[in-house]
């Protein structure tokens, strides 16, 4: 999963936990503490995720691999050689 998407989901989880903590009965301290611990853990993970400093996308390797696999066939066709089909 991309870091940006993970950050977005974790922020959403953190907001949900905060909402549940606010609405939960304060008489149940043990459950309240557990939810607060979970919220703290999510916040810790959020801070440890890397932030993408540049807005550039990483190079697409699958498209590059497909282009490289087509090149021998194009060279063979240009040379007048019959194409061999593996299968």
Foldseek 3Di string as FASTA:
>chain_A
DDLVVLLVVLVVVLVVLVVCLVPDDVVPVVVSVVSVVVSVVSVVVNVVGDDDPDPDDDDDPVVVVVVVVCVVVVVCVVVVHDDDDDD
